[in-house]
Amino acid sequence: MLIMVFLSRCSRLMQAALLVVSLSFMPAAHALEADATQALRQKYTELKPRLSNNQFGKPLYLESTESSRQIKGDAYALIDYPLEKVESALRTPEQWCEVMILHLNTKYCRATQVNGGPGLRVFIGKKADQPLDQAYQVDFGYEADVAPEYMDIRMGAKKGPLGTSDYQILVEATSVDNRRTLLHLTYSYAYGMAGKIAMQGYLATVGANKVGFTVTGRQDGEPAYIGGVRGVAERNTMRYYLAIDSYLKEMDAPKGEQLERRLQDWFNATERYARQLHEVEKEDYLSMKRAEYKRQQEPR
């Protein structure tokens, strides 16, 4: 009997100790969330003039950076959806595969376990029909934090194609008011010598005349745009942003119509920036993506 009383008291003490420990972490977590929310809203205040007056014709701002081993693109957009709707649409890996497949270079995406946790298995390849065994497999780990005033999605892969590494697709969002959300997308990756050589080869051939969105000056009375590695980052960041935007735009459409409408939306949106993003004709894109989406639904 005494032993049972002793064990009962120990159990209660342990429960109390665990409660104290868990509560001690809550203020720190809330503080981090509050800091992130405040930082994103501060960025919104800073970007307001650029969101209201830019070359995109919509509240969107895009920037890029390049270091000796990494390129990164950031997109900030004011979107006409309440945060709760954005959170419900983008909280799972399965939903993100519906977003990712819209991108021209995504050949396949499936929610799966990566390193013992949730993730996405993505195959990245050419801008044309391609068997999966000829595409590059990239496994993204997936983390999501959703709170009343802030959402944070993190997808990361250690290895990428052609000597690239440390792929990061990060999405955070906060409410601006009860009907609008500020969304921030970051797309980045690192590269070693093999990746640098591959990039130099691309920029010297098929990518020689391609540009990004940052205006660097004027040439023959027209805007001159950033090229090179930063141009690559900006083009891909924009493609991913337009995939998110097209996905959200059709989330209330009838289920059987959503895919087709999203494909149409994504291609039409890219063609508004044809100088940077045009790669294939519309029917070629639609035909390719219909087949890839069908393949994505099959067991593998």
Protein backbone atom coordinates (compact mmCIF):
# COMPACT_ATOMS: atom_id res chain seq x y z
CA MET A 1 0.00 0.00 0.00
CA LEU A 2 2.79 2.41 0.95
CA ILE A 3 4.55 1.56 -2.29
CA MET A 4 1.40 2.38 -4.29
CA VAL A 5 0.98 5.71 -2.50
CA PHE A 6 4.65 6.50 -3.14
CA LEU A 7 4.33 5.63 -6.82
CA SER A 8 1.15 7.70 -7.13
CA ARG A 9 2.87 10.72 -5.61
CA CYS A 10 5.86 10.22 -7.94
CA SER A 11 3.53 10.05 -10.91
CA ARG A 12 1.82 13.29 -9.92
CA LEU A 13 5.17 14.99 -9.36
CA MET A 14 6.41 13.84 -12.75
CA GLN A 15 3.26 15.09 -14.47
CA ALA A 16 3.61 18.44 -12.72
CA ALA A 17 7.27 18.66 -13.73
CA LEU A 18 6.43 17.88 -17.37
CA LEU A 19 3.71 20.53 -17.32
CA VAL A 20 6.16 23.11 -15.98
CA VAL A 21 8.70 22.18 -18.65
CA SER A 22 6.15 22.37 -21.45
CA LEU A 23 4.81 25.70 -20.23
CA SER A 24 8.33 27.08 -19.99
CA PHE A 25 8.75 26.54 -23.75
CA MET A 26 5.42 28.11 -24.72
CA PRO A 27 6.40 31.76 -24.16
CA ALA A 28 9.56 31.25 -26.23
CA ALA A 29 7.58 29.68 -29.09
CA HIS A 30 4.98 32.44 -28.96
CA ALA A 31 7.76 35.03 -28.86
CA LEU A 32 9.39 33.58 -31.97
CA GLU A 33 6.05 33.53 -33.77
CA ALA A 34 5.34 37.11 -32.72
CA ASP A 35 8.79 38.21 -33.87
CA ALA A 36 8.34 36.54 -37.27
CA THR A 37 4.89 38.07 -37.68
CA GLN A 38 6.18 41.51 -36.74
CA ALA A 39 9.15 41.21 -39.10
CA LEU A 40 6.95 40.24 -42.04
CA ARG A 41 4.49 43.05 -41.34
CA GLN A 42 7.39 45.47 -41.06
CA LYS A 43 8.57 44.26 -44.48
CA TYR A 44 5.07 44.94 -45.81
CA THR A 45 5.26 48.54 -44.56
CA GLU A 46 8.66 48.91 -46.21
CA LEU A 47 7.48 47.45 -49.52
CA LYS A 48 4.13 49.25 -49.80
CA PRO A 49 5.33 51.77 -52.42
CA ARG A 50 6.85 48.99 -54.57
CA LEU A 51 3.80 46.77 -54.22
CA SER A 52 1.55 49.55 -55.50
CA ASN A 53 3.80 50.70 -58.37
CA ASN A 54 5.86 48.14 -60.29
CA GLN A 55 6.37 46.42 -63.65
CA PHE A 56 4.14 43.47 -62.72
CA GLY A 57 0.84 45.34 -62.67
CA LYS A 58 -0.08 43.69 -59.36
CA PRO A 59 1.06 43.95 -55.71
CA LEU A 60 4.20 41.88 -56.19
CA TYR A 61 7.88 42.52 -55.48
CA LEU A 62 10.77 40.29 -56.55
CA GLU A 63 14.44 40.44 -55.61
CA SER A 64 17.49 38.19 -55.86
CA THR A 65 20.93 37.80 -54.33
CA GLU A 66 24.05 35.90 -55.33
CA SER A 67 27.03 34.84 -53.26
CA SER A 68 30.07 32.73 -54.12
CA ARG A 69 28.14 29.49 -53.51
CA GLN A 70 24.43 30.31 -53.36
CA ILE A 71 21.69 32.01 -55.31
CA LYS A 72 18.39 33.12 -53.82
CA GLY A 73 15.18 34.70 -55.00
CA ASP A 74 12.50 36.30 -52.83
CA ALA A 75 8.96 37.19 -53.84
CA TYR A 76 6.55 39.23 -51.73
CA ALA A 77 2.91 39.39 -52.78
CA LEU A 78 -0.25 40.89 -51.34
CA ILE A 79 -2.98 38.36 -52.16
CA ASP A 80 -6.74 38.71 -51.87
CA TYR A 81 -7.37 35.76 -49.58
CA PRO A 82 -7.71 35.71 -45.79
CA LEU A 83 -4.86 34.01 -43.99
CA GLU A 84 -7.13 31.20 -42.76
CA LYS A 85 -7.91 30.24 -46.36
CA VAL A 86 -4.25 30.31 -47.37
CA GLU A 87 -3.33 28.15 -44.37
CA SER A 88 -6.00 25.57 -45.12
CA ALA A 89 -4.93 25.36 -48.77
CA LEU A 90 -1.17 25.04 -48.21
CA ARG A 91 -0.66 23.09 -45.01
CA THR A 92 0.10 19.55 -46.27
CA PRO A 93 2.72 17.96 -48.56
CA GLU A 94 -0.10 16.53 -50.70
CA GLN A 95 -1.40 20.04 -51.37
CA TRP A 96 2.10 21.23 -52.23
CA CYS A 97 2.45 18.51 -54.85
CA GLU A 98 -0.64 20.00 -56.52
CA VAL A 99 1.26 23.30 -56.57
CA MET A 100 4.65 21.95 -57.63
CA ILE A 101 3.40 20.00 -60.66
CA LEU A 102 2.33 23.27 -62.33
CA HIS A 103 5.98 24.33 -62.66
CA LEU A 104 7.37 23.63 -66.12
CA ASN A 105 10.35 21.61 -64.85
CA THR A 106 8.47 19.46 -62.31
CA LYS A 107 7.93 16.03 -63.82
CA TYR A 108 6.45 14.30 -60.75
CA CYS A 109 5.68 15.01 -57.09
CA ARG A 110 4.51 12.64 -54.36
CA ALA A 111 4.10 13.16 -50.61
CA THR A 112 6.28 10.62 -48.82
CA GLN A 113 8.56 10.06 -45.84
CA VAL A 114 11.94 11.79 -46.09
CA ASN A 115 14.54 11.07 -43.42
CA GLY A 116 11.86 9.72 -41.10
CA GLY A 117 9.52 12.69 -41.42
CA PRO A 118 7.00 14.16 -43.86
CA GLY A 119 8.33 15.23 -47.22
CA LEU A 120 7.95 15.44 -50.99
CA ARG A 121 9.66 13.32 -53.62
CA VAL A 122 10.05 15.56 -56.65
CA PHE A 123 11.49 14.77 -60.07
CA ILE A 124 12.94 17.77 -61.90
CA GLY A 125 13.69 17.65 -65.60
CA LYS A 126 13.40 19.17 -69.02
CA LYS A 127 10.75 21.51 -70.37
CA ALA A 128 9.37 18.68 -72.50
CA ASP A 129 8.00 15.15 -72.06
CA GLN A 130 10.56 13.04 -70.24
CA PRO A 131 10.65 9.58 -68.61
CA LEU A 132 11.20 9.74 -64.87
CA ASP A 133 14.36 7.67 -65.07
CA GLN A 134 15.90 10.53 -67.08
CA ALA A 135 14.86 13.22 -64.58
CA TYR A 136 16.56 14.18 -61.31
CA GLN A 137 15.03 12.98 -58.03
CA VAL A 138 15.03 15.58 -55.26
CA ASP A 139 13.70 14.63 -51.82
CA PHE A 140 12.41 17.58 -49.79
CA GLY A 141 11.87 17.40 -46.07
CA TYR A 142 8.72 19.25 -45.02
CA GLU A 143 7.86 21.30 -41.92
CA ALA A 144 4.82 23.47 -41.32
CA ASP A 145 3.88 25.82 -38.47
CA VAL A 146 0.42 27.31 -38.60
CA ALA A 147 -0.81 29.88 -36.07
CA PRO A 148 -3.72 32.35 -35.95
CA GLU A 149 -1.65 35.22 -37.39
CA TYR A 150 1.26 33.49 -39.08
CA MET A 151 2.08 30.54 -41.34
CA ASP A 152 5.54 29.13 -42.00
CA ILE A 153 6.24 26.31 -44.50
CA ARG A 154 9.78 24.96 -44.98
CA MET A 155 10.86 22.51 -47.67
CA GLY A 156 14.52 21.58 -47.90
CA ALA A 157 16.62 19.08 -49.85
CA LYS A 158 20.29 18.31 -49.23
CA LYS A 159 21.03 17.29 -52.82
CA GLY A 160 19.81 18.61 -56.16
CA PRO A 161 20.61 18.09 -59.85
CA LEU A 162 23.93 18.86 -61.53
CA GLY A 163 26.05 19.34 -58.44
CA THR A 164 23.60 21.63 -56.62
CA SER A 165 22.69 21.25 -52.95
CA ASP A 166 20.82 22.74 -49.99
CA TYR A 167 17.61 23.47 -51.88
CA GLN A 168 15.20 25.61 -49.88
CA ILE A 169 11.62 26.57 -50.68
CA LEU A 170 10.28 28.65 -47.82
CA VAL A 171 6.83 30.22 -47.60
CA GLU A 172 5.61 32.45 -44.82
CA ALA A 173 2.43 34.49 -44.62
CA THR A 174 0.63 36.85 -42.26
CA SER A 175 -2.68 38.64 -42.36
CA VAL A 176 -2.75 42.26 -43.46
CA ASP A 177 -6.46 42.59 -42.70
CA ASN A 178 -9.44 40.23 -42.57
CA ARG A 179 -9.42 39.61 -46.33
CA ARG A 180 -5.80 40.02 -47.48
CA THR A 181 -2.56 38.18 -46.78
CA LEU A 182 1.08 39.05 -47.33
CA LEU A 183 2.89 36.02 -48.72
CA HIS A 184 6.67 35.70 -48.84
CA LEU A 185 8.34 33.01 -50.94
CA THR A 186 12.06 32.21 -50.85
CA TYR A 187 13.71 29.91 -53.39
CA SER A 188 17.41 29.17 -53.02
CA TYR A 189 20.12 26.59 -53.56
CA ALA A 190 23.87 26.19 -53.24
CA TYR A 191 26.33 24.90 -55.80
CA GLY A 192 29.90 23.57 -55.81
CA MET A 193 32.37 23.38 -58.65
CA ALA A 194 30.33 20.87 -60.67
CA GLY A 195 27.23 23.03 -60.31
CA LYS A 196 29.17 26.15 -61.23
CA ILE A 197 30.49 24.53 -64.41
CA ALA A 198 27.00 23.32 -65.34
CA MET A 199 25.59 26.82 -64.76
CA GLN A 200 28.33 28.42 -66.85
CA GLY A 201 27.56 26.00 -69.66
CA TYR A 202 23.85 26.83 -69.49
CA LEU A 203 24.46 30.58 -69.44
CA ALA A 204 26.83 30.32 -72.40
CA THR A 205 24.32 28.40 -74.55
CA VAL A 206 20.54 28.14 -74.18
CA GLY A 207 20.47 30.60 -71.28
CA ALA A 208 22.67 33.23 -72.92
CA ASN A 209 19.86 35.66 -73.76
CA LYS A 210 17.55 34.95 -70.85
CA VAL A 211 16.90 37.61 -68.23
CA GLY A 212 15.26 38.06 -64.87
CA PHE A 213 13.00 40.84 -63.56
CA THR A 214 15.30 43.29 -61.78
CA VAL A 215 15.70 46.40 -63.93
CA THR A 216 19.36 47.39 -64.19
CA GLY A 217 18.98 50.41 -66.48
CA ARG A 218 17.77 51.37 -69.96
CA GLN A 219 18.85 50.12 -73.37
CA ASP A 220 17.49 51.55 -76.63
CA GLY A 221 14.69 53.19 -74.68
CA GLU A 222 13.61 49.89 -73.09
CA PRO A 223 14.26 48.47 -69.62
CA ALA A 224 17.41 46.36 -69.29
CA TYR A 225 17.04 43.35 -66.99
CA ILE A 226 19.40 41.37 -64.81
CA GLY A 227 20.87 38.28 -66.46
CA GLY A 228 23.23 35.53 -65.40
CA VAL A 229 22.75 33.51 -62.23
CA ARG A 230 20.45 36.07 -60.61
CA GLY A 231 18.24 35.97 -63.67
CA VAL A 232 17.95 32.19 -63.25
CA ALA A 233 16.93 32.62 -59.59
CA GLU A 234 14.34 35.26 -60.42
CA ARG A 235 12.73 33.24 -63.20
CA ASN A 236 12.34 30.16 -61.03
CA THR A 237 11.12 32.16 -58.04
CA MET A 238 8.46 33.74 -60.24
CA ARG A 239 7.41 30.36 -61.65
CA TYR A 240 6.95 28.97 -58.14
CA TYR A 241 5.05 32.07 -57.03
CA LEU A 242 2.72 31.85 -60.04
CA ALA A 243 2.14 28.17 -59.23
CA ILE A 244 1.06 29.12 -55.70
CA ASP A 245 -1.13 31.92 -57.04
CA SER A 246 -2.79 29.68 -59.66
CA TYR A 247 -3.40 26.96 -57.07
CA LEU A 248 -5.06 29.40 -54.66
CA LYS A 249 -7.10 31.04 -57.40
CA GLU A 250 -8.92 27.81 -58.25
CA MET A 251 -9.28 26.25 -54.79
CA ASP A 252 -13.04 26.91 -54.77
CA ALA A 253 -13.62 25.63 -58.30
CA PRO A 254 -15.42 22.29 -58.76
CA LYS A 255 -13.02 19.48 -57.95
CA GLY A 256 -13.08 18.00 -61.44
CA GLU A 257 -12.19 21.36 -63.03
CA GLN A 258 -9.40 22.50 -60.71
CA LEU A 259 -6.43 20.95 -62.51
CA GLU A 260 -7.34 22.20 -65.96
CA ARG A 261 -8.11 25.68 -64.71
CA ARG A 262 -4.83 25.83 -62.77
CA LEU A 263 -2.82 24.74 -65.79
CA GLN A 264 -4.51 27.41 -67.91
CA ASP A 265 -3.99 30.04 -65.21
CA TRP A 266 -0.30 29.21 -64.75
CA PHE A 267 0.55 29.28 -68.43
CA ASN A 268 -1.42 32.48 -69.08
CA ALA A 269 0.27 34.14 -66.10
CA THR A 270 3.74 33.23 -67.35
CA GLU A 271 2.94 34.62 -70.77
CA ARG A 272 2.30 38.04 -69.23
CA TYR A 273 6.06 38.02 -68.63
CA ALA A 274 7.01 36.30 -71.87
CA ARG A 275 10.35 38.12 -72.12
CA GLN A 276 11.48 36.20 -69.05
CA LEU A 277 9.30 33.10 -68.87
CA HIS A 278 8.19 31.94 -72.31
CA GLU A 279 9.62 28.49 -73.05
CA VAL A 280 6.99 26.34 -74.80
CA GLU A 281 3.72 26.78 -76.63
CA LYS A 282 0.51 26.54 -74.66
CA GLU A 283 -0.81 23.28 -76.13
CA ASP A 284 2.56 21.63 -75.61
CA TYR A 285 2.54 22.68 -71.95
CA LEU A 286 -1.05 21.57 -71.37
CA SER A 287 -0.54 18.20 -73.05
CA MET A 288 2.66 17.54 -71.12
CA LYS A 289 1.19 18.51 -67.75
CA ARG A 290 -1.99 16.48 -68.20
CA ALA A 291 0.15 13.41 -68.82
CA GLU A 292 2.49 14.20 -65.91
CA TYR A 293 -0.40 14.74 -63.53
CA LYS A 294 -1.94 11.42 -64.56
CA ARG A 295 1.42 9.72 -63.96
CA GLN A 296 1.62 11.44 -60.58
CA GLN A 297 -1.62 9.76 -59.45
CA GLU A 298 -0.39 6.25 -60.27
CA PRO A 299 1.24 4.06 -57.61
CA ARG A 300 5.03 4.18 -57.66
